[in-house]
Structures are given as structure tokens and as C-alpha cells.
């Protein structure tokens, strides 16, 4: 009985934390916009539990409107599991979010319940190449081919592609050679606190 009680409590906590994270992210983005950094997007990781809630879309839209940030400045990062749970329900929710202006990404593409069938059906803007595949560049014989395949797939479907976990010049070179120019990883910067991030933005703005 104790375990049965803990499951609903855990789910409630996940949902509550997700709503708090969304509000915090939107407020932080608004602060940066007010400070003059209006070309930023805020990436928000989304759990399947949050996405499956009936009021998820309305919660997302009402939070964006209440805090007052542009919908197209929000990038929702979905997992492949979310995309494949309930095709009809997923498509309905994604269409509403997309029409409202929210940017949609598939995070860690190819590491989960991967299926190429769903990709053309959903209004996804960006595929994110996971660190696990980036690390294969120059290390495994199939490393470059995997990267080429994902990038080619994204471009065929008119999607942008972002590489995560880029740490070396060799990785960057291979990615750029295959027309992937959006990069995340230690090659450019390790995680920084808010003050350091503002300094970074100021430096970039003055260059």
C-alpha cells in the first residue's frame, strides 16, 4: 500500500516541478529581454508525464501570456517517448503549440524509442543530435556516417539540426562539413551562472 501511495505523490511532484520550471524560465527570459537581449530562445526540457496532462497545452499558453514573453522565444525539447505515446493526441497538442508560435525540438534523437515514421507527421522544428553520437566522431568507424545520416534526415524534412556535447575541434569540423552549424557543448562554453552568462552576452553584443 505504501508504494501505491508514493506513485501519485511522485507524479504530482513531477508536474509541480515542471510548472515551476516553466514559470522560472519564462521570468528569466523576460528579464534578459528587458535588459536588451531580445534575440534569445529559452530551451525547456519536457517530461512525458507533463506532456500527458490534459491541461498541459493550456498551462503552457497561459503561462507564456501571463508572464509576457514571445511564444516563439520558447523552445520545448521533447523526448522520442513523448512523440510516440499516442500519435493522435500528440499531434493535436503539437499542432496547437506550433500554431501559437512555440518552437518544438526532438531531444536526444535516436537514443530512445526511435521511429522515422512519426517525424514527417509532427510539426517539429529541430532535431538535436545527442552527445552519444557526437562522441563517436573520430572514435568509431561509423561515427561520421551516423552524423551525416541524422543531418541529412533533418534537412530533408526541413528541420534545423543542433549537435549536443561538442567538445573538440574535430567534432566541430565534421559537423560543419555536413552543414550542422548550431552547436552546444564545452567546445564553446561550460555551464555558467547567471552573472557569467550576462557577461558572455555583453561580450558577444559588443563584438
N, C-alpha and C. Protein backbone atom coordinates (compact mmCIF):
# COMPACT_ATOMS: atom_id res chain seq x y z
N UNK A 1 0.83 -1.21 0.00
CA UNK A 1 0.00 0.00 0.00
C UNK A 1 0.87 1.26 0.00
N UNK A 2 1.98 1.20 0.73
CA UNK A 2 2.84 2.36 0.80
C UNK A 2 3.36 2.75 -0.59
N UNK A 3 3.76 1.75 -1.39
CA UNK A 3 4.26 2.02 -2.72
C UNK A 3 3.17 2.59 -3.63
N UNK A 4 1.95 2.11 -3.45
CA UNK A 4 0.84 2.62 -4.25
C UNK A 4 0.57 4.08 -3.95
N UNK A 5 0.75 4.46 -2.72
CA UNK A 5 0.53 5.85 -2.33
C UNK A 5 1.64 6.74 -2.87
N UNK A 6 2.87 6.21 -2.92
CA UNK A 6 4.00 7.02 -3.33
C UNK A 6 3.96 7.40 -4.81
N UNK A 7 3.37 6.55 -5.65
CA UNK A 7 3.34 6.83 -7.08
C UNK A 7 2.57 8.11 -7.40
N UNK A 8 1.34 8.29 -6.91
CA UNK A 8 0.62 9.54 -7.18
C UNK A 8 1.36 10.76 -6.62
N UNK A 9 1.96 10.60 -5.46
CA UNK A 9 2.72 11.71 -4.87
C UNK A 9 3.88 12.09 -5.78
N UNK A 10 4.59 11.09 -6.29
CA UNK A 10 5.71 11.35 -7.19
C UNK A 10 5.23 12.07 -8.45
N UNK A 11 4.13 11.60 -9.03
CA UNK A 11 3.61 12.22 -10.24
C UNK A 11 3.22 13.67 -10.00
N UNK A 12 2.59 13.93 -8.87
CA UNK A 12 2.21 15.30 -8.52
C UNK A 12 3.44 16.18 -8.39
N UNK A 13 4.50 15.63 -7.82
CA UNK A 13 5.73 16.40 -7.65
C UNK A 13 6.37 16.73 -9.00
N UNK A 14 6.38 15.76 -9.90
CA UNK A 14 6.93 15.99 -11.23
C UNK A 14 6.17 17.10 -11.95
N UNK A 15 4.85 17.05 -11.87
CA UNK A 15 4.01 18.07 -12.52
C UNK A 15 4.24 19.44 -11.90
N UNK A 16 4.31 19.49 -10.57
CA UNK A 16 4.53 20.76 -9.87
C UNK A 16 5.89 21.36 -10.22
N UNK A 17 6.92 20.52 -10.23
CA UNK A 17 8.26 20.98 -10.57
C UNK A 17 8.29 21.47 -12.01
N UNK A 18 7.60 20.77 -12.90
CA UNK A 18 7.55 21.18 -14.29
C UNK A 18 6.91 22.55 -14.47
N UNK A 19 5.82 22.80 -13.76
CA UNK A 19 5.16 24.11 -13.85
C UNK A 19 6.05 25.21 -13.28
N UNK A 20 6.72 24.91 -12.16
CA UNK A 20 7.63 25.89 -11.56
C UNK A 20 8.78 26.21 -12.51
N UNK A 21 9.32 25.17 -13.16
CA UNK A 21 10.42 25.36 -14.10
C UNK A 21 10.00 26.23 -15.27
N UNK A 22 8.81 25.99 -15.81
CA UNK A 22 8.30 26.78 -16.92
C UNK A 22 8.16 28.24 -16.52
N UNK A 23 7.58 28.50 -15.35
CA UNK A 23 7.41 29.87 -14.88
C UNK A 23 8.76 30.55 -14.66
N UNK A 24 9.68 29.83 -14.02
CA UNK A 24 11.01 30.38 -13.75
C UNK A 24 11.74 30.70 -15.05
N UNK A 25 11.66 29.80 -16.02
CA UNK A 25 12.33 30.01 -17.30
C UNK A 25 11.76 31.22 -18.03
N UNK A 26 10.45 31.35 -18.04
CA UNK A 26 9.81 32.49 -18.72
C UNK A 26 10.15 33.81 -18.04
N UNK A 27 10.15 33.82 -16.72
CA UNK A 27 10.50 35.05 -15.99
C UNK A 27 11.95 35.44 -16.25
N UNK A 28 12.85 34.45 -16.24
CA UNK A 28 14.25 34.74 -16.50
C UNK A 28 14.44 35.29 -17.91
N UNK A 29 13.75 34.68 -18.87
CA UNK A 29 13.84 35.15 -20.25
C UNK A 29 13.33 36.58 -20.37
N UNK A 30 12.25 36.89 -19.68
CA UNK A 30 11.71 38.25 -19.72
C UNK A 30 12.70 39.25 -19.16
N UNK A 31 13.41 38.88 -18.09
CA UNK A 31 14.43 39.76 -17.52
C UNK A 31 15.52 40.05 -18.54
N UNK A 32 15.96 39.02 -19.24
CA UNK A 32 17.00 39.22 -20.25
C UNK A 32 16.50 40.06 -21.41
N UNK A 33 15.25 39.85 -21.80
CA UNK A 33 14.67 40.67 -22.86
C UNK A 33 14.63 42.13 -22.43
N UNK A 34 14.21 42.37 -21.19
CA UNK A 34 14.12 43.74 -20.67
C UNK A 34 15.49 44.40 -20.60
N UNK A 35 16.54 43.58 -20.44
CA UNK A 35 17.90 44.10 -20.36
C UNK A 35 18.50 44.34 -21.75
N UNK A 36 17.72 44.04 -22.79
CA UNK A 36 18.17 44.32 -24.14
C UNK A 36 18.63 43.13 -24.95
N UNK A 37 18.55 41.94 -24.35
CA UNK A 37 18.99 40.73 -25.06
C UNK A 37 17.76 40.02 -25.65
N UNK A 38 17.23 40.60 -26.71
CA UNK A 38 15.94 40.16 -27.23
C UNK A 38 16.03 39.09 -28.32
N UNK A 39 17.23 38.59 -28.57
CA UNK A 39 17.38 37.57 -29.62
C UNK A 39 17.59 36.18 -29.04
N UNK A 40 17.22 35.99 -27.78
CA UNK A 40 17.44 34.71 -27.11
C UNK A 40 16.22 33.79 -27.22
N UNK A 41 16.50 32.49 -27.20
CA UNK A 41 15.46 31.47 -27.04
C UNK A 41 15.74 30.71 -25.75
N UNK A 42 14.69 30.29 -25.08
CA UNK A 42 14.82 29.51 -23.85
C UNK A 42 14.40 28.07 -24.11
N UNK A 43 15.35 27.15 -23.99
CA UNK A 43 15.04 25.74 -24.15
C UNK A 43 14.51 25.16 -22.85
N UNK A 44 13.40 24.45 -22.94
CA UNK A 44 12.77 23.86 -21.75
C UNK A 44 12.56 22.37 -21.99
N UNK A 45 13.22 21.55 -21.19
CA UNK A 45 13.04 20.09 -21.30
C UNK A 45 11.68 19.69 -20.74
N UNK A 46 11.03 18.79 -21.44
CA UNK A 46 9.67 18.40 -21.08
C UNK A 46 9.62 16.90 -20.82
N UNK A 47 9.01 16.52 -19.70
CA UNK A 47 8.86 15.10 -19.39
C UNK A 47 7.56 14.58 -20.00
N UNK A 48 7.53 13.27 -20.22
CA UNK A 48 6.32 12.64 -20.76
C UNK A 48 5.14 12.83 -19.82
N UNK A 49 5.41 12.80 -18.52
CA UNK A 49 4.34 12.97 -17.53
C UNK A 49 3.67 14.32 -17.69
N UNK A 50 4.47 15.36 -17.87
CA UNK A 50 3.90 16.70 -18.06
C UNK A 50 3.08 16.77 -19.35
N UNK A 51 3.66 16.25 -20.43
CA UNK A 51 3.00 16.35 -21.73
C UNK A 51 1.67 15.62 -21.75
N UNK A 52 1.57 14.54 -20.99
CA UNK A 52 0.35 13.72 -20.99
C UNK A 52 -0.80 14.34 -20.20
N UNK A 53 -0.53 15.40 -19.44
CA UNK A 53 -1.60 16.04 -18.68
C UNK A 53 -2.60 16.73 -19.61
N UNK A 54 -3.88 16.59 -19.32
CA UNK A 54 -4.91 17.15 -20.19
C UNK A 54 -4.83 18.66 -20.31
N UNK A 55 -4.36 19.31 -19.24
CA UNK A 55 -4.31 20.78 -19.26
C UNK A 55 -2.94 21.30 -19.65
N UNK A 56 -2.06 20.44 -20.17
CA UNK A 56 -0.69 20.86 -20.46
C UNK A 56 -0.62 22.03 -21.43
N UNK A 57 -1.31 21.92 -22.56
CA UNK A 57 -1.24 22.97 -23.58
C UNK A 57 -1.76 24.29 -23.03
N UNK A 58 -2.88 24.25 -22.32
CA UNK A 58 -3.44 25.47 -21.76
C UNK A 58 -2.52 26.06 -20.70
N UNK A 59 -1.90 25.20 -19.91
CA UNK A 59 -0.94 25.68 -18.90
C UNK A 59 0.23 26.38 -19.57
N UNK A 60 0.73 25.80 -20.63
CA UNK A 60 1.85 26.39 -21.36
C UNK A 60 1.49 27.76 -21.92
N UNK A 61 0.35 27.83 -22.60
CA UNK A 61 -0.06 29.08 -23.23
C UNK A 61 -0.37 30.16 -22.20
N UNK A 62 -1.09 29.79 -21.15
CA UNK A 62 -1.46 30.78 -20.13
C UNK A 62 -0.23 31.30 -19.40
N UNK A 63 0.77 30.46 -19.17
CA UNK A 63 2.00 30.90 -18.51
C UNK A 63 2.75 31.89 -19.38
N UNK A 64 2.87 31.59 -20.66
CA UNK A 64 3.55 32.48 -21.60
C UNK A 64 2.85 33.84 -21.65
N UNK A 65 1.52 33.82 -21.71
CA UNK A 65 0.76 35.07 -21.79
C UNK A 65 0.82 35.84 -20.48
N UNK A 66 0.74 35.14 -19.37
CA UNK A 66 0.76 35.80 -18.06
C UNK A 66 2.08 36.51 -17.81
N UNK A 67 3.18 35.86 -18.15
CA UNK A 67 4.50 36.44 -17.90
C UNK A 67 4.88 37.43 -19.00
N UNK A 68 4.37 37.21 -20.19
CA UNK A 68 4.57 38.19 -21.25
C UNK A 68 5.84 38.02 -22.06
N UNK A 69 6.13 36.79 -22.45
CA UNK A 69 7.27 36.56 -23.34
C UNK A 69 6.75 36.09 -24.70
N UNK A 70 7.48 36.36 -25.78
CA UNK A 70 7.02 35.90 -27.09
C UNK A 70 6.99 34.37 -27.15
N UNK A 71 5.93 33.83 -27.71
CA UNK A 71 5.82 32.37 -27.79
C UNK A 71 6.96 31.77 -28.60
N UNK A 72 7.42 32.49 -29.62
CA UNK A 72 8.49 31.93 -30.47
C UNK A 72 9.86 32.00 -29.81
N UNK A 73 9.92 32.51 -28.59
CA UNK A 73 11.18 32.51 -27.84
C UNK A 73 11.29 31.28 -26.95
N UNK A 74 10.24 30.46 -26.93
CA UNK A 74 10.23 29.25 -26.11
C UNK A 74 10.48 28.03 -27.01
N UNK A 75 11.47 27.23 -26.64
CA UNK A 75 11.80 26.02 -27.38
C UNK A 75 11.54 24.81 -26.48
N UNK A 76 10.46 24.10 -26.75
CA UNK A 76 10.13 22.91 -25.97
C UNK A 76 10.91 21.72 -26.50
N UNK A 77 11.69 21.09 -25.62
CA UNK A 77 12.50 19.95 -26.02
C UNK A 77 11.79 18.66 -25.60
N UNK A 78 11.31 17.94 -26.60
CA UNK A 78 10.53 16.72 -26.38
C UNK A 78 11.42 15.49 -26.53
N UNK A 79 11.11 14.44 -25.79
CA UNK A 79 11.80 13.18 -25.98
C UNK A 79 11.06 12.34 -27.02
N UNK A 80 11.74 11.35 -27.56
CA UNK A 80 11.09 10.48 -28.54
C UNK A 80 9.94 9.71 -27.92
N UNK A 81 10.01 9.43 -26.64
CA UNK A 81 8.92 8.73 -25.97
C UNK A 81 7.64 9.55 -26.04
N UNK A 82 7.75 10.85 -25.82
CA UNK A 82 6.58 11.72 -25.89
C UNK A 82 5.97 11.65 -27.29
N UNK A 83 6.82 11.67 -28.29
CA UNK A 83 6.35 11.71 -29.67
C UNK A 83 5.64 10.43 -30.09
N UNK A 84 5.85 9.35 -29.36
CA UNK A 84 5.33 8.06 -29.81
C UNK A 84 4.29 7.43 -28.89
N UNK A 85 3.91 8.10 -27.81
CA UNK A 85 2.97 7.51 -26.86
C UNK A 85 1.58 7.35 -27.46
N UNK A 86 1.01 8.45 -27.94
CA UNK A 86 -0.34 8.44 -28.51
C UNK A 86 -0.32 9.38 -29.71
N UNK A 87 -0.21 8.82 -30.88
CA UNK A 87 0.02 9.62 -32.09
C UNK A 87 -1.04 10.70 -32.29
N UNK A 88 -2.31 10.35 -32.16
CA UNK A 88 -3.39 11.31 -32.40
C UNK A 88 -3.37 12.43 -31.38
N UNK A 89 -3.24 12.08 -30.10
CA UNK A 89 -3.23 13.08 -29.04
C UNK A 89 -1.98 13.95 -29.13
N UNK A 90 -0.85 13.33 -29.40
CA UNK A 90 0.40 14.08 -29.53
C UNK A 90 0.32 15.08 -30.66
N UNK A 91 -0.16 14.64 -31.81
CA UNK A 91 -0.27 15.52 -32.97
C UNK A 91 -1.18 16.70 -32.68
N UNK A 92 -2.30 16.45 -32.00
CA UNK A 92 -3.23 17.52 -31.66
C UNK A 92 -2.57 18.58 -30.79
N UNK A 93 -1.87 18.14 -29.76
CA UNK A 93 -1.21 19.08 -28.85
C UNK A 93 -0.10 19.86 -29.55
N UNK A 94 0.70 19.15 -30.33
CA UNK A 94 1.82 19.82 -31.01
C UNK A 94 1.32 20.84 -32.02
N UNK A 95 0.23 20.54 -32.70
CA UNK A 95 -0.32 21.48 -33.68
C UNK A 95 -0.78 22.77 -33.01
N UNK A 96 -1.41 22.64 -31.84
CA UNK A 96 -1.86 23.84 -31.12
C UNK A 96 -0.66 24.67 -30.68
N UNK A 97 0.35 24.02 -30.11
CA UNK A 97 1.54 24.74 -29.66
C UNK A 97 2.25 25.40 -30.84
N UNK A 98 2.36 24.67 -31.93
CA UNK A 98 3.03 25.20 -33.12
C UNK A 98 2.30 26.41 -33.67
N UNK A 99 0.97 26.32 -33.77
CA UNK A 99 0.19 27.43 -34.30
C UNK A 99 0.26 28.65 -33.38
N UNK A 100 0.47 28.41 -32.10
CA UNK A 100 0.62 29.51 -31.14
C UNK A 100 1.98 30.18 -31.27
N UNK A 101 2.94 29.47 -31.84
CA UNK A 101 4.26 30.05 -32.07
C UNK A 101 5.40 29.40 -31.33
N UNK A 102 5.10 28.41 -30.49
CA UNK A 102 6.15 27.74 -29.71
C UNK A 102 7.03 26.90 -30.64
N UNK A 103 8.34 26.95 -30.39
CA UNK A 103 9.31 26.17 -31.16
C UNK A 103 9.39 24.77 -30.57
N UNK A 104 9.43 23.74 -31.43
CA UNK A 104 9.41 22.36 -30.97
C UNK A 104 10.65 21.60 -31.43
N UNK A 105 11.32 20.93 -30.49
CA UNK A 105 12.52 20.16 -30.80
C UNK A 105 12.39 18.73 -30.29
N UNK A 106 13.03 17.80 -31.00
CA UNK A 106 13.18 16.43 -30.51
C UNK A 106 14.57 16.31 -29.92
N UNK A 107 14.65 16.07 -28.62
CA UNK A 107 15.93 15.99 -27.92
C UNK A 107 16.47 14.57 -27.97
N UNK A 108 17.80 14.45 -28.02
CA UNK A 108 18.47 13.14 -28.00
C UNK A 108 17.91 12.20 -29.05
N UNK A 109 17.78 12.70 -30.27
CA UNK A 109 17.17 11.91 -31.34
C UNK A 109 17.99 10.64 -31.60
N UNK A 110 17.30 9.50 -31.65
CA UNK A 110 17.93 8.23 -31.99
C UNK A 110 18.36 7.40 -30.81
N UNK A 111 18.19 7.92 -29.59
CA UNK A 111 18.64 7.17 -28.40
C UNK A 111 17.50 6.49 -27.67
N UNK A 112 16.27 6.81 -28.04
CA UNK A 112 15.12 6.25 -27.33
C UNK A 112 14.30 5.34 -28.21
N UNK A 113 12.97 5.55 -28.13
CA UNK A 113 12.04 4.73 -28.90
C UNK A 113 11.96 5.28 -30.32
N UNK A 114 13.07 5.13 -31.01
CA UNK A 114 13.20 5.81 -32.30
C UNK A 114 12.32 5.18 -33.38
N UNK A 115 11.64 6.04 -34.12
CA UNK A 115 10.86 5.60 -35.27
C UNK A 115 10.82 6.74 -36.27
N UNK A 116 11.27 6.46 -37.48
CA UNK A 116 11.27 7.51 -38.50
C UNK A 116 9.86 7.83 -38.97
N UNK A 117 8.92 6.94 -38.70
CA UNK A 117 7.56 7.11 -39.21
C UNK A 117 6.88 8.36 -38.65
N UNK A 118 7.16 8.70 -37.39
CA UNK A 118 6.43 9.81 -36.78
C UNK A 118 6.98 11.17 -37.19
N UNK A 119 8.23 11.24 -37.62
CA UNK A 119 8.85 12.53 -37.87
C UNK A 119 8.12 13.39 -38.91
N UNK A 120 7.75 12.84 -40.08
CA UNK A 120 7.06 13.68 -41.06
C UNK A 120 5.66 14.10 -40.61
N UNK A 121 5.10 13.41 -39.62
CA UNK A 121 3.73 13.68 -39.19
C UNK A 121 3.64 14.87 -38.25
N UNK A 122 4.68 15.10 -37.48
CA UNK A 122 4.62 16.10 -36.42
C UNK A 122 5.30 17.40 -36.84
N UNK A 123 4.79 18.54 -36.36
CA UNK A 123 5.35 19.84 -36.75
C UNK A 123 6.62 20.20 -35.96
N UNK A 124 7.63 19.35 -36.07
CA UNK A 124 8.87 19.54 -35.33
C UNK A 124 9.77 20.53 -36.08
N UNK A 125 10.40 21.43 -35.34
CA UNK A 125 11.29 22.42 -35.95
C UNK A 125 12.75 21.96 -35.99
N UNK A 126 13.17 21.23 -34.95
CA UNK A 126 14.59 20.93 -34.79
C UNK A 126 14.83 19.52 -34.28
N UNK A 127 15.84 18.85 -34.83
CA UNK A 127 16.35 17.59 -34.27
C UNK A 127 17.66 17.89 -33.55
N UNK A 128 17.82 17.30 -32.37
CA UNK A 128 19.05 17.50 -31.61
C UNK A 128 19.86 16.20 -31.60
N UNK A 129 21.08 16.29 -32.12
CA UNK A 129 21.97 15.12 -32.14
C UNK A 129 22.56 14.94 -30.75
N UNK A 130 22.36 13.79 -30.11
CA UNK A 130 22.84 13.61 -28.74
C UNK A 130 24.35 13.46 -28.66
N UNK A 131 24.86 13.74 -27.48
CA UNK A 131 26.29 13.65 -27.21
C UNK A 131 26.84 12.26 -27.52
N UNK A 132 26.02 11.22 -27.29
CA UNK A 132 26.48 9.85 -27.54
C UNK A 132 26.92 9.66 -28.99
N UNK A 133 26.23 10.29 -29.93
CA UNK A 133 26.59 10.17 -31.34
C UNK A 133 27.75 11.09 -31.70
N UNK A 134 27.75 12.29 -31.13
CA UNK A 134 28.85 13.23 -31.38
C UNK A 134 30.17 12.63 -30.92
N UNK A 135 30.14 11.91 -29.80
CA UNK A 135 31.36 11.31 -29.26
C UNK A 135 31.94 10.22 -30.16
N UNK A 136 31.14 9.71 -31.08
CA UNK A 136 31.62 8.65 -31.98
C UNK A 136 32.46 9.20 -33.13
N UNK A 137 32.40 10.52 -33.32
CA UNK A 137 33.18 11.14 -34.38
C UNK A 137 34.67 10.94 -34.10
N UNK A 138 35.38 10.36 -35.07
CA UNK A 138 36.81 10.15 -34.92
C UNK A 138 37.18 9.03 -33.97
N UNK A 139 36.19 8.38 -33.37
CA UNK A 139 36.45 7.30 -32.41
C UNK A 139 35.99 5.95 -32.94
N UNK A 140 34.83 5.94 -33.59
CA UNK A 140 34.29 4.73 -34.18
C UNK A 140 34.16 4.92 -35.70
N UNK A 141 34.29 3.83 -36.43
CA UNK A 141 34.26 3.93 -37.89
C UNK A 141 32.93 4.43 -38.42
N UNK A 142 31.85 4.21 -37.65
CA UNK A 142 30.53 4.65 -38.12
C UNK A 142 30.16 6.04 -37.62
N UNK A 143 31.06 6.67 -36.88
CA UNK A 143 30.73 7.95 -36.25
C UNK A 143 30.30 9.02 -37.23
N UNK A 144 31.12 9.26 -38.26
CA UNK A 144 30.80 10.29 -39.23
C UNK A 144 29.53 9.95 -40.01
N UNK A 145 29.34 8.67 -40.32
CA UNK A 145 28.17 8.26 -41.11
C UNK A 145 26.87 8.48 -40.34
N UNK A 146 26.89 8.20 -39.04
CA UNK A 146 25.68 8.43 -38.23
C UNK A 146 25.33 9.90 -38.23
N UNK A 147 26.33 10.74 -38.03
CA UNK A 147 26.11 12.19 -38.03
C UNK A 147 25.55 12.65 -39.37
N UNK A 148 26.15 12.18 -40.46
CA UNK A 148 25.69 12.55 -41.80
C UNK A 148 24.24 12.15 -42.02
N UNK A 149 23.88 10.96 -41.54
CA UNK A 149 22.52 10.45 -41.74
C UNK A 149 21.49 11.30 -41.02
N UNK A 150 21.76 11.64 -39.76
CA UNK A 150 20.81 12.45 -38.98
C UNK A 150 20.66 13.84 -39.58
N UNK A 151 21.78 14.45 -39.95
CA UNK A 151 21.74 15.79 -40.53
C UNK A 151 20.98 15.77 -41.85
N UNK A 152 21.25 14.78 -42.68
CA UNK A 152 20.56 14.67 -43.97
C UNK A 152 19.06 14.47 -43.77
N UNK A 153 18.68 13.65 -42.80
CA UNK A 153 17.27 13.42 -42.50
C UNK A 153 16.59 14.72 -42.07
N UNK A 154 17.24 15.45 -41.18
CA UNK A 154 16.67 16.72 -40.70
C UNK A 154 16.46 17.69 -41.86
N UNK A 155 17.46 17.82 -42.71
CA UNK A 155 17.36 18.76 -43.82
C UNK A 155 16.29 18.33 -44.83
N UNK A 156 16.16 17.03 -45.05
CA UNK A 156 15.13 16.52 -45.95
C UNK A 156 13.74 16.89 -45.46
N UNK A 157 13.57 16.89 -44.14
CA UNK A 157 12.27 17.21 -43.53
C UNK A 157 12.15 18.70 -43.20
N UNK A 158 13.08 19.50 -43.72
CA UNK A 158 13.07 20.96 -43.50
C UNK A 158 13.15 21.31 -42.01
N UNK A 159 13.95 20.55 -41.29
CA UNK A 159 14.18 20.82 -39.88
C UNK A 159 15.60 21.34 -39.67
N UNK A 160 15.76 22.15 -38.65
CA UNK A 160 17.09 22.54 -38.22
C UNK A 160 17.71 21.37 -37.45
N UNK A 161 19.01 21.42 -37.27
CA UNK A 161 19.67 20.37 -36.50
C UNK A 161 20.70 21.00 -35.57
N UNK A 162 20.69 20.55 -34.32
CA UNK A 162 21.63 21.03 -33.31
C UNK A 162 22.43 19.85 -32.78
N UNK A 163 23.73 20.02 -32.66
CA UNK A 163 24.59 18.98 -32.09
C UNK A 163 24.89 19.31 -30.64
N UNK A 164 24.67 18.32 -29.77
CA UNK A 164 24.91 18.50 -28.34
C UNK A 164 26.23 17.86 -27.93
N UNK A 165 26.83 18.39 -26.87
CA UNK A 165 28.01 17.77 -26.29
C UNK A 165 29.26 17.87 -27.13
N UNK A 166 29.38 18.92 -27.94
CA UNK A 166 30.56 19.09 -28.78
C UNK A 166 31.73 19.60 -27.92
N UNK A 167 32.85 18.88 -27.97
CA UNK A 167 33.97 19.21 -27.10
C UNK A 167 35.29 19.42 -27.84
N UNK A 168 35.39 18.96 -29.08
CA UNK A 168 36.67 19.02 -29.78
C UNK A 168 36.55 19.71 -31.13
N UNK A 169 37.69 20.18 -31.62
CA UNK A 169 37.75 20.81 -32.93
C UNK A 169 37.38 19.82 -34.03
N UNK A 170 37.81 18.57 -33.87
CA UNK A 170 37.50 17.54 -34.86
C UNK A 170 35.99 17.33 -34.98
N UNK A 171 35.30 17.27 -33.85
CA UNK A 171 33.85 17.12 -33.87
C UNK A 171 33.20 18.30 -34.57
N UNK A 172 33.64 19.50 -34.23
CA UNK A 172 33.08 20.70 -34.83
C UNK A 172 33.28 20.71 -36.34
N UNK A 173 34.47 20.32 -36.78
CA UNK A 173 34.79 20.32 -38.20
C UNK A 173 33.89 19.36 -38.98
N UNK A 174 33.70 18.16 -38.44
CA UNK A 174 32.85 17.17 -39.10
C UNK A 174 31.41 17.67 -39.17
N UNK A 175 30.93 18.24 -38.10
CA UNK A 175 29.55 18.74 -38.06
C UNK A 175 29.35 19.86 -39.07
N UNK A 176 30.27 20.82 -39.10
CA UNK A 176 30.13 21.94 -40.02
C UNK A 176 30.29 21.49 -41.47
N UNK A 177 31.15 20.50 -41.69
CA UNK A 177 31.33 19.97 -43.05
C UNK A 177 30.05 19.34 -43.57
N UNK A 178 29.21 18.88 -42.64
CA UNK A 178 27.93 18.28 -43.02
C UNK A 178 26.75 19.24 -42.82
N UNK A 179 27.06 20.53 -42.75
CA UNK A 179 26.04 21.59 -42.69
C UNK A 179 25.26 21.60 -41.39
N UNK A 180 25.92 21.28 -40.28
CA UNK A 180 25.33 21.47 -38.95
C UNK A 180 26.10 22.59 -38.28
N UNK A 181 25.46 23.75 -38.14
CA UNK A 181 26.14 24.93 -37.64
C UNK A 181 25.66 25.38 -36.26
N UNK A 182 24.65 24.70 -35.73
CA UNK A 182 24.14 25.03 -34.40
C UNK A 182 24.75 24.04 -33.41
N UNK A 183 25.52 24.56 -32.47
CA UNK A 183 26.37 23.72 -31.63
C UNK A 183 26.15 24.03 -30.15
N UNK A 184 26.11 22.96 -29.35
CA UNK A 184 26.12 23.08 -27.89
C UNK A 184 27.27 22.24 -27.35
N UNK A 185 27.91 22.72 -26.29
CA UNK A 185 28.94 21.89 -25.69
C UNK A 185 30.11 22.67 -25.14
N UNK A 186 31.00 21.95 -24.48
CA UNK A 186 32.15 22.55 -23.81
C UNK A 186 33.13 23.20 -24.79
N UNK A 187 33.05 22.86 -26.07
CA UNK A 187 33.97 23.48 -27.03
C UNK A 187 33.80 25.00 -27.00
N UNK A 188 32.57 25.45 -26.80
CA UNK A 188 32.31 26.88 -26.74
C UNK A 188 32.24 27.39 -25.30
N UNK A 189 31.59 26.63 -24.43
CA UNK A 189 31.47 27.09 -23.04
C UNK A 189 30.96 25.97 -22.15
N UNK A 190 31.50 25.93 -20.94
CA UNK A 190 30.95 25.07 -19.90
C UNK A 190 29.73 25.78 -19.30
N UNK A 191 28.91 25.08 -18.54
CA UNK A 191 27.78 25.75 -17.88
C UNK A 191 28.26 26.91 -17.02
N UNK A 192 27.52 28.01 -17.06
CA UNK A 192 27.90 29.21 -16.31
C UNK A 192 26.71 29.68 -15.47
N UNK A 193 27.00 30.48 -14.44
CA UNK A 193 25.93 31.03 -13.63
C UNK A 193 25.35 32.26 -14.33
N UNK A 194 24.33 32.84 -13.73
CA UNK A 194 23.62 33.95 -14.38
C UNK A 194 24.53 35.14 -14.65
N UNK A 195 25.35 35.51 -13.67
CA UNK A 195 26.24 36.66 -13.83
C UNK A 195 27.24 36.43 -14.96
N UNK A 196 27.79 35.24 -15.02
CA UNK A 196 28.75 34.91 -16.08
C UNK A 196 28.06 34.90 -17.44
N UNK A 197 26.81 34.47 -17.48
CA UNK A 197 26.07 34.45 -18.73
C UNK A 197 25.82 35.86 -19.24
N UNK A 198 25.48 36.77 -18.34
CA UNK A 198 25.27 38.16 -18.73
C UNK A 198 26.56 38.76 -19.27
N UNK A 199 27.69 38.45 -18.62
CA UNK A 199 28.98 38.93 -19.12
C UNK A 199 29.25 38.38 -20.52
N UNK A 200 28.91 37.11 -20.72
CA UNK A 200 29.10 36.49 -22.03
C UNK A 200 28.24 37.18 -23.09
N UNK A 201 26.97 37.46 -22.76
CA UNK A 201 26.09 38.14 -23.70
C UNK A 201 26.60 39.54 -24.03
N UNK A 202 27.08 40.24 -23.01
CA UNK A 202 27.61 41.59 -23.22
C UNK A 202 28.81 41.57 -24.15
N UNK A 203 29.68 40.59 -23.94
CA UNK A 203 30.86 40.46 -24.79
C UNK A 203 30.46 40.18 -26.23
N UNK A 204 29.52 39.26 -26.42
CA UNK A 204 29.07 38.92 -27.76
C UNK A 204 28.39 40.10 -28.45
N UNK A 205 27.64 40.87 -27.67
CA UNK A 205 26.91 42.00 -28.23
C UNK A 205 27.86 43.11 -28.67
N UNK A 206 29.01 43.22 -28.00
CA UNK A 206 29.96 44.29 -28.30
C UNK A 206 30.95 43.92 -29.40
N UNK A 207 30.97 42.65 -29.79
CA UNK A 207 31.90 42.23 -30.84
C UNK A 207 31.39 42.61 -32.22
